[in-house]
Structure formats: C-alpha cells, structure tokens
Amino acid sequence: MVPEGLPPKAALHRRTLWMVKRCSLAMLFPENPHDNSWGKGSRVVYKACLYHLKPLFVVCSVPPPSAIHYHVLPSSRFGVVEG
C-alpha cells in the first residue's frame, strides 16, 4: 500500500486516500470532544470523499458547510447514530 521509506505523516495520508478510494460508504466521527474541532485526518477523509464522489455519513454537532457541489442532509444511521 505504502512504499518503504515514506515518512509516517505521508504514510498516514496515503493510507487514508487508499481506503477512501476503495470504500462504498465512509462514516466519519470528526469532532474532538474537548473543543468540537475537526482533526487533520477527518478533513482528509471529507475532502477525499468529495473528490472521489463517495457517499459520506458525518456524525457531528455542527454540520459541514453547504456548497453547490453537494447536499448536506440530516439523517439517522439505523436509528443508532444521527448525523
């Protein structure tokens, strides 16, 4: 998946993109419980899903901003988690 000799930060980024390319649906729990900020890895998954046109279910207290390229809709995943 990742070539040898790659720095850990770059390897994490490349593995994340590799997983997003091959998934059929991504579920993202991006918020830090202390300050409700999104981590770097969560932003990478979010942007990669948009780029690769993958469906994404995001569970967070504040919805991502709307844009003309995608729709943000409230939903529930099997009645267990709302996003």
PDB file of N, CA and C in Angstrom:
ATOM      1  N   MET A   1       0.817  -1.194   0.000  1.00  0.00           N
ATOM      2  CA  MET A   1       0.000   0.000   0.000  1.00  0.00           C
ATOM      3  C   MET A   1       0.862   1.258   0.000  1.00  0.00           C
ATOM      4  N   VAL A   2       1.830   1.302   0.915  1.00  0.00           N
ATOM      5  CA  VAL A   2       2.670   2.490   1.053  1.00  0.00           C
ATOM      6  C   VAL A   2       4.116   2.070   0.814  1.00  0.00           C
ATOM      7  N   PRO A   3       4.842   2.786  -0.045  1.00  0.00           N
ATOM      8  CA  PRO A   3       6.238   2.430  -0.294  1.00  0.00           C
ATOM      9  C   PRO A   3       7.101   2.571   0.957  1.00  0.00           C
ATOM     10  N   GLU A   4       8.148   1.775   1.010  1.00  0.00           N
ATOM     11  CA  GLU A   4       9.065   1.853   2.153  1.00  0.00           C
ATOM     12  C   GLU A   4       9.825   3.165   2.133  1.00  0.00           C
ATOM     13  N   GLY A   5      10.208   3.639   3.309  1.00  0.00           N
ATOM     14  CA  GLY A   5      10.978   4.866   3.430  1.00  0.00           C
ATOM     15  C   GLY A   5      10.127   6.122   3.443  1.00  0.00           C
ATOM     16  N   LEU A   6       8.823   5.973   3.405  1.00  0.00           N
ATOM     17  CA  LEU A   6       7.921   7.120   3.428  1.00  0.00           C
ATOM     18  C   LEU A   6       7.757   7.607   4.872  1.00  0.00           C
ATOM     19  N   PRO A   7       7.832   8.905   5.133  1.00  0.00           N
ATOM     20  CA  PRO A   7       7.649   9.400   6.492  1.00  0.00           C
ATOM     21  C   PRO A   7       6.263   9.040   7.032  1.00  0.00           C
ATOM     22  N   PRO A   8       6.115   8.869   8.350  1.00  0.00           N
ATOM     23  CA  PRO A   8       4.832   8.464   8.936  1.00  0.00           C
ATOM     24  C   PRO A   8       3.670   9.393   8.577  1.00  0.00           C
ATOM     25  N   LYS A   9       3.894  10.702   8.531  1.00  0.00           N
ATOM     26  CA  LYS A   9       2.801  11.619   8.184  1.00  0.00           C
ATOM     27  C   LYS A   9       2.313  11.372   6.761  1.00  0.00           C
ATOM     28  N   ALA A  10       3.245  11.181   5.842  1.00  0.00           N
ATOM     29  CA  ALA A  10       2.869  10.926   4.454  1.00  0.00           C
ATOM     30  C   ALA A  10       2.205   9.560   4.309  1.00  0.00           C
ATOM     31  N   ALA A  11       2.680   8.578   5.068  1.00  0.00           N
ATOM     32  CA  ALA A  11       2.094   7.239   5.011  1.00  0.00           C
ATOM     33  C   ALA A  11       0.646   7.270   5.492  1.00  0.00           C
ATOM     34  N   LEU A  12       0.371   8.012   6.556  1.00  0.00           N
ATOM     35  CA  LEU A  12      -0.993   8.127   7.071  1.00  0.00           C
ATOM     36  C   LEU A  12      -1.906   8.751   6.018  1.00  0.00           C
ATOM     37  N   HIS A  13      -1.428   9.788   5.352  1.00  0.00           N
ATOM     38  CA  HIS A  13      -2.206  10.462   4.313  1.00  0.00           C
ATOM     39  C   HIS A  13      -2.496   9.503   3.151  1.00  0.00           C
ATOM     40  N   ARG A  14      -1.485   8.778   2.707  1.00  0.00           N
ATOM     41  CA  ARG A  14      -1.656   7.872   1.564  1.00  0.00           C
ATOM     42  C   ARG A  14      -2.558   6.690   1.904  1.00  0.00           C
ATOM     43  N   ARG A  15      -2.453   6.150   3.120  1.00  0.00           N
ATOM     44  CA  ARG A  15      -3.349   5.052   3.524  1.00  0.00           C
ATOM     45  C   ARG A  15      -4.786   5.526   3.593  1.00  0.00           C
ATOM     46  N   THR A  16      -4.991   6.749   4.095  1.00  0.00           N
ATOM     47  CA  THR A  16      -6.337   7.298   4.178  1.00  0.00           C
ATOM     48  C   THR A  16      -6.939   7.433   2.783  1.00  0.00           C
ATOM     49  N   LEU A  17      -6.189   7.973   1.841  1.00  0.00           N
ATOM     50  CA  LEU A  17      -6.683   8.096   0.472  1.00  0.00           C
ATOM     51  C   LEU A  17      -6.935   6.733  -0.158  1.00  0.00           C
ATOM     52  N   TRP A  18      -6.077   5.751   0.125  1.00  0.00           N
ATOM     53  CA  TRP A  18      -6.244   4.405  -0.399  1.00  0.00           C
ATOM     54  C   TRP A  18      -7.560   3.812   0.096  1.00  0.00           C
ATOM     55  N   MET A  19      -7.869   3.987   1.378  1.00  0.00           N
ATOM     56  CA  MET A  19      -9.114   3.450   1.930  1.00  0.00           C
ATOM     57  C   MET A  19     -10.333   4.150   1.341  1.00  0.00           C
ATOM     58  N   VAL A  20     -10.281   5.456   1.200  1.00  0.00           N
ATOM     59  CA  VAL A  20     -11.426   6.197   0.660  1.00  0.00           C
ATOM     60  C   VAL A  20     -11.702   5.785  -0.780  1.00  0.00           C
ATOM     61  N   LYS A  21     -10.671   5.584  -1.577  1.00  0.00           N
ATOM     62  CA  LYS A  21     -10.869   5.188  -2.971  1.00  0.00           C
ATOM     63  C   LYS A  21     -11.597   3.853  -3.083  1.00  0.00           C
ATOM     64  N   ARG A  22     -11.392   2.960  -2.131  1.00  0.00           N
ATOM     65  CA  ARG A  22     -11.931   1.617  -2.212  1.00  0.00           C
ATOM     66  C   ARG A  22     -13.207   1.398  -1.405  1.00  0.00           C
ATOM     67  N   CYS A  23     -13.649   2.384  -0.657  1.00  0.00           N
ATOM     68  CA  CYS A  23     -14.849   2.198   0.167  1.00  0.00           C
ATOM     69  C   CYS A  23     -16.104   2.486  -0.646  1.00  0.00           C
ATOM     70  N   SER A  24     -17.240   1.978  -0.173  1.00  0.00           N
ATOM     71  CA  SER A  24     -18.512   2.291  -0.818  1.00  0.00           C
ATOM     72  C   SER A  24     -19.280   3.337  -0.017  1.00  0.00           C
ATOM     73  N   LEU A  25     -18.981   3.469   1.266  1.00  0.00           N
ATOM     74  CA  LEU A  25     -19.578   4.480   2.136  1.00  0.00           C
ATOM     75  C   LEU A  25     -18.596   4.764   3.265  1.00  0.00           C
ATOM     76  N   ALA A  26     -18.371   6.019   3.552  1.00  0.00           N
ATOM     77  CA  ALA A  26     -17.488   6.388   4.661  1.00  0.00           C
ATOM     78  C   ALA A  26     -18.338   6.952   5.791  1.00  0.00           C
ATOM     79  N   MET A  27     -18.059   6.505   7.014  1.00  0.00           N
ATOM     80  CA  MET A  27     -18.696   7.068   8.206  1.00  0.00           C
ATOM     81  C   MET A  27     -17.623   7.819   8.970  1.00  0.00           C
ATOM     82  N   LEU A  28     -17.914   9.067   9.282  1.00  0.00           N
ATOM     83  CA  LEU A  28     -16.904   9.939   9.871  1.00  0.00           C
ATOM     84  C   LEU A  28     -17.418  10.503  11.189  1.00  0.00           C
ATOM     85  N   PHE A  29     -16.627  10.346  12.237  1.00  0.00           N
ATOM     86  CA  PHE A  29     -16.887  10.930  13.546  1.00  0.00           C
ATOM     87  C   PHE A  29     -15.755  11.923  13.796  1.00  0.00           C
ATOM     88  N   PRO A  30     -15.844  13.139  13.240  1.00  0.00           N
ATOM     89  CA  PRO A  30     -14.677  14.008  13.150  1.00  0.00           C
ATOM     90  C   PRO A  30     -14.356  14.878  14.357  1.00  0.00           C
ATOM     91  N   GLU A  31     -15.283  15.053  15.268  1.00  0.00           N
ATOM     92  CA  GLU A  31     -15.101  16.097  16.285  1.00  0.00           C
ATOM     93  C   GLU A  31     -14.261  15.656  17.474  1.00  0.00           C
ATOM     94  N   ASN A  32     -13.398  16.552  17.891  1.00  0.00           N
ATOM     95  CA  ASN A  32     -12.659  16.401  19.130  1.00  0.00           C
ATOM     96  C   ASN A  32     -13.645  16.705  20.258  1.00  0.00           C
ATOM     97  N   PRO A  33     -13.824  15.822  21.233  1.00  0.00           N
ATOM     98  CA  PRO A  33     -14.820  16.061  22.272  1.00  0.00           C
ATOM     99  C   PRO A  33     -14.544  17.278  23.155  1.00  0.00           C
ATOM    100  N   HIS A  34     -13.305  17.751  23.174  1.00  0.00           N
ATOM    101  CA  HIS A  34     -12.965  18.883  24.039  1.00  0.00           C
ATOM    102  C   HIS A  34     -13.350  20.227  23.441  1.00  0.00           C
ATOM    103  N   ASP A  35     -13.111  20.395  22.135  1.00  0.00           N
ATOM    104  CA  ASP A  35     -13.376  21.709  21.537  1.00  0.00           C
ATOM    105  C   ASP A  35     -14.207  21.648  20.249  1.00  0.00           C
ATOM    106  N   ASN A  36     -14.734  20.476  19.901  1.00  0.00           N
ATOM    107  CA  ASN A  36     -15.574  20.265  18.716  1.00  0.00           C
ATOM    108  C   ASN A  36     -14.879  20.632  17.406  1.00  0.00           C
ATOM    109  N   SER A  37     -13.553  20.586  17.368  1.00  0.00           N
ATOM    110  CA  SER A  37     -12.825  20.872  16.132  1.00  0.00           C
ATOM    111  C   SER A  37     -12.604  19.572  15.355  1.00  0.00           C
ATOM    112  N   TRP A  38     -12.456  19.698  14.055  1.00  0.00           N
ATOM    113  CA  TRP A  38     -12.174  18.545  13.201  1.00  0.00           C
ATOM    114  C   TRP A  38     -10.672  18.330  13.134  1.00  0.00           C
ATOM    115  N   GLY A  39     -10.241  17.080  13.231  1.00  0.00           N
ATOM    116  CA  GLY A  39      -8.826  16.758  13.118  1.00  0.00           C
ATOM    117  C   GLY A  39      -8.363  16.750  11.671  1.00  0.00           C
ATOM    118  N   LYS A  40      -7.057  16.695  11.482  1.00  0.00           N
ATOM    119  CA  LYS A  40      -6.478  16.725  10.144  1.00  0.00           C
ATOM    120  C   LYS A  40      -6.916  15.507   9.324  1.00  0.00           C
ATOM    121  N   GLY A  41      -6.916  14.341   9.941  1.00  0.00           N
ATOM    122  CA  GLY A  41      -7.330  13.124   9.238  1.00  0.00           C
ATOM    123  C   GLY A  41      -8.787  13.161   8.814  1.00  0.00           C
ATOM    124  N   SER A  42      -9.641  13.740   9.649  1.00  0.00           N
ATOM    125  CA  SER A  42     -11.057  13.860   9.309  1.00  0.00           C
ATOM    126  C   SER A  42     -11.254  14.773   8.109  1.00  0.00           C
ATOM    127  N   ARG A  43     -10.491  15.844   8.057  1.00  0.00           N
ATOM    128  CA  ARG A  43     -10.582  16.748   6.903  1.00  0.00           C
ATOM    129  C   ARG A  43     -10.099  16.063   5.626  1.00  0.00           C
ATOM    130  N   VAL A  44      -9.067  15.218   5.740  1.00  0.00           N
ATOM    131  CA  VAL A  44      -8.571  14.482   4.575  1.00  0.00           C
ATOM    132  C   VAL A  44      -9.642  13.525   4.064  1.00  0.00           C
ATOM    133  N   VAL A  45     -10.299  12.798   4.959  1.00  0.00           N
ATOM    134  CA  VAL A  45     -11.359  11.867   4.559  1.00  0.00           C
ATOM    135  C   VAL A  45     -12.513  12.627   3.909  1.00  0.00           C
ATOM    136  N   TYR A  46     -12.926  13.727   4.512  1.00  0.00           N
ATOM    137  CA  TYR A  46     -14.037  14.526   3.992  1.00  0.00           C
ATOM    138  C   TYR A  46     -13.743  15.018   2.572  1.00  0.00           C
ATOM    139  N   LYS A  47     -12.572  15.599   2.369  1.00  0.00           N
ATOM    140  CA  LYS A  47     -12.209  16.123   1.045  1.00  0.00           C
ATOM    141  C   LYS A  47     -12.011  15.004   0.027  1.00  0.00           C
ATOM    142  N   ALA A  48     -11.441  13.884   0.451  1.00  0.00           N
ATOM    143  CA  ALA A  48     -11.230  12.758  -0.469  1.00  0.00           C
ATOM    144  C   ALA A  48     -12.566  12.155  -0.904  1.00  0.00           C
ATOM    145  N   CYS A  49     -13.517  12.068  -0.002  1.00  0.00           N
ATOM    146  CA  CYS A  49     -14.841  11.550  -0.368  1.00  0.00           C
ATOM    147  C   CYS A  49     -15.520  12.473  -1.372  1.00  0.00           C
ATOM    148  N   LEU A  50     -15.403  13.763  -1.176  1.00  0.00           N
ATOM    149  CA  LEU A  50     -15.973  14.704  -2.146  1.00  0.00           C
ATOM    150  C   LEU A  50     -15.290  14.559  -3.503  1.00  0.00           C
ATOM    151  N   TYR A  51     -13.989  14.442  -3.505  1.00  0.00           N
ATOM    152  CA  TYR A  51     -13.226  14.348  -4.745  1.00  0.00           C
ATOM    153  C   TYR A  51     -13.551  13.065  -5.508  1.00  0.00           C
ATOM    154  N   HIS A  52     -13.688  11.947  -4.783  1.00  0.00           N
ATOM    155  CA  HIS A  52     -13.937  10.648  -5.417  1.00  0.00           C
ATOM    156  C   HIS A  52     -15.429  10.316  -5.524  1.00  0.00           C
ATOM    157  N   LEU A  53     -16.289  11.277  -5.194  1.00  0.00           N
ATOM    158  CA  LEU A  53     -17.744  11.109  -5.289  1.00  0.00           C
ATOM    159  C   LEU A  53     -18.250   9.927  -4.474  1.00  0.00           C
ATOM    160  N   LYS A  54     -17.726   9.775  -3.263  1.00  0.00           N
ATOM    161  CA  LYS A  54     -18.137   8.700  -2.367  1.00  0.00           C
ATOM    162  C   LYS A  54     -19.175   9.229  -1.386  1.00  0.00           C
ATOM    163  N   PRO A  55     -20.211   8.440  -1.084  1.00  0.00           N
ATOM    164  CA  PRO A  55     -21.172   8.875  -0.071  1.00  0.00           C
ATOM    165  C   PRO A  55     -20.494   8.927   1.301  1.00  0.00           C
ATOM    166  N   LEU A  56     -20.863   9.922   2.077  1.00  0.00           N
ATOM    167  CA  LEU A  56     -20.224  10.154   3.366  1.00  0.00           C
ATOM    168  C   LEU A  56     -21.288  10.436   4.410  1.00  0.00           C
ATOM    169  N   PHE A  57     -21.237   9.722   5.530  1.00  0.00           N
ATOM    170  CA  PHE A  57     -22.136   9.950   6.647  1.00  0.00           C
ATOM    171  C   PHE A  57     -21.300  10.561   7.769  1.00  0.00           C
ATOM    172  N   VAL A  58     -21.575  11.811   8.113  1.00  0.00           N
ATOM    173  CA  VAL A  58     -20.791  12.540   9.105  1.00  0.00           C
ATOM    174  C   VAL A  58     -21.634  12.728  10.362  1.00  0.00           C
ATOM    175  N   VAL A  59     -21.080  12.319  11.511  1.00  0.00           N
ATOM    176  CA  VAL A  59     -21.746  12.483  12.796  1.00  0.00           C
ATOM    177  C   VAL A  59     -21.038  13.614  13.531  1.00  0.00           C
ATOM    178  N   CYS A  60     -21.713  14.777  13.629  1.00  0.00           N
ATOM    179  CA  CYS A  60     -21.109  15.919  14.302  1.00  0.00           C
ATOM    180  C   CYS A  60     -22.205  16.856  14.787  1.00  0.00           C
ATOM    181  N   SER A  61     -21.852  17.727  15.721  1.00  0.00           N
ATOM    182  CA  SER A  61     -22.830  18.650  16.281  1.00  0.00           C
ATOM    183  C   SER A  61     -23.098  19.831  15.359  1.00  0.00           C
ATOM    184  N   VAL A  62     -22.105  20.236  14.583  1.00  0.00           N
ATOM    185  CA  VAL A  62     -22.257  21.336  13.632  1.00  0.00           C
ATOM    186  C   VAL A  62     -22.081  20.765  12.222  1.00  0.00           C
ATOM    187  N   PRO A  63     -23.083  20.888  11.339  1.00  0.00           N
ATOM    188  CA  PRO A  63     -22.955  20.300  10.011  1.00  0.00           C
ATOM    189  C   PRO A  63     -21.889  21.001   9.173  1.00  0.00           C
ATOM    190  N   PRO A  64     -21.306  20.281   8.231  1.00  0.00           N
ATOM    191  CA  PRO A  64     -20.348  20.913   7.323  1.00  0.00           C
ATOM    192  C   PRO A  64     -21.051  21.981   6.489  1.00  0.00           C
ATOM    193  N   PRO A  65     -20.319  22.938   5.976  1.00  0.00           N
ATOM    194  CA  PRO A  65     -20.959  23.997   5.181  1.00  0.00           C
ATOM    195  C   PRO A  65     -21.553  23.440   3.889  1.00  0.00           C
ATOM    196  N   SER A  66     -22.664  24.004   3.464  1.00  0.00           N
ATOM    197  CA  SER A  66     -23.276  23.594   2.198  1.00  0.00           C
ATOM    198  C   SER A  66     -22.523  24.215   1.034  1.00  0.00           C
ATOM    199  N   ALA A  67     -22.615  23.565  -0.109  1.00  0.00           N
ATOM    200  CA  ALA A  67     -21.976  24.069  -1.327  1.00  0.00           C
ATOM    201  C   ALA A  67     -22.820  23.657  -2.522  1.00  0.00           C
ATOM    202  N   ILE A  68     -22.510  24.193  -3.688  1.00  0.00           N
ATOM    203  CA  ILE A  68     -23.284  23.852  -4.868  1.00  0.00           C
ATOM    204  C   ILE A  68     -22.945  22.455  -5.386  1.00  0.00           C
ATOM    205  N   HIS A  69     -21.832  21.869  -4.951  1.00  0.00           N
ATOM    206  CA  HIS A  69     -21.391  20.577  -5.453  1.00  0.00           C
ATOM    207  C   HIS A  69     -21.962  19.388  -4.683  1.00  0.00           C
ATOM    208  N   TYR A  70     -22.529  19.615  -3.516  1.00  0.00           N
ATOM    209  CA  TYR A  70     -23.071  18.510  -2.720  1.00  0.00           C
ATOM    210  C   TYR A  70     -24.192  19.038  -1.831  1.00  0.00           C
ATOM    211  N   HIS A  71     -24.964  18.107  -1.265  1.00  0.00           N
ATOM    212  CA  HIS A  71     -26.068  18.450  -0.372  1.00  0.00           C
ATOM    213  C   HIS A  71     -25.777  17.907   1.021  1.00  0.00           C
ATOM    214  N   VAL A  72     -26.072  18.679   2.032  1.00  0.00           N
ATOM    215  CA  VAL A  72     -25.942  18.243   3.417  1.00  0.00           C
ATOM    216  C   VAL A  72     -27.355  17.989   3.928  1.00  0.00           C
ATOM    217  N   LEU A  73     -27.635  16.750   4.315  1.00  0.00           N
ATOM    218  CA  LEU A  73     -28.961  16.364   4.779  1.00  0.00           C
ATOM    219  C   LEU A  73     -28.850  15.716   6.148  1.00  0.00           C
ATOM    220  N   PRO A  74     -29.743  16.073   7.075  1.00  0.00           N
ATOM    221  CA  PRO A  74     -29.746  15.368   8.368  1.00  0.00           C
ATOM    222  C   PRO A  74     -30.313  13.963   8.180  1.00  0.00           C
ATOM    223  N   SER A  75     -29.772  13.006   8.922  1.00  0.00           N
ATOM    224  CA  SER A  75     -30.218  11.628   8.773  1.00  0.00           C
ATOM    225  C   SER A  75     -29.906  10.836  10.024  1.00  0.00           C
ATOM    226  N   SER A  76     -30.322   9.592  10.029  1.00  0.00           N
ATOM    227  CA  SER A  76     -30.046   8.670  11.131  1.00  0.00           C
ATOM    228  C   SER A  76     -29.553   7.368  10.534  1.00  0.00           C
ATOM    229  N   ARG A  77     -28.548   6.774  11.139  1.00  0.00           N
ATOM    230  CA  ARG A  77     -27.995   5.510  10.665  1.00  0.00           C
ATOM    231  C   ARG A  77     -28.556   4.382  11.507  1.00  0.00           C
ATOM    232  N   PHE A  78     -29.566   3.687  11.006  1.00  0.00           N
ATOM    233  CA  PHE A  78     -30.239   2.572  11.676  1.00  0.00           C
ATOM    234  C   PHE A  78     -30.844   2.981  13.024  1.00  0.00           C
ATOM    235  N   GLY A  79     -31.134   4.255  13.195  1.00  0.00           N
ATOM    236  CA  GLY A  79     -31.725   4.726  14.433  1.00  0.00           C
ATOM    237  C   GLY A  79     -30.754   4.767  15.606  1.00  0.00           C
ATOM    238  N   VAL A  80     -29.490   4.488  15.358  1.00  0.00           N
ATOM    239  CA  VAL A  80     -28.496   4.444  16.429  1.00  0.00           C
ATOM    240  C   VAL A  80     -27.734   5.750  16.520  1.00  0.00           C
ATOM    241  N   VAL A  81     -27.296   6.283  15.376  1.00  0.00           N
ATOM    242  CA  VAL A  81     -26.473   7.481  15.325  1.00  0.00           C
ATOM    243  C   VAL A  81     -27.130   8.477  14.397  1.00  0.00           C
ATOM    244  N   GLU A  82     -27.190   9.728  14.815  1.00  0.00           N
ATOM    245  CA  GLU A  82     -27.733  10.779  13.963  1.00  0.00           C
ATOM    246  C   GLU A  82     -26.595  11.645  13.441  1.00  0.00           C
ATOM    247  N   GLY A  83     -26.741  12.069  12.201  1.00  0.00           N
ATOM    248  CA  GLY A  83     -25.694  12.879  11.595  1.00  0.00           C
ATOM    249  C   GLY A  83     -26.264  13.854  10.602  1.00  0.00           C
TER     250      GLY A  83
END
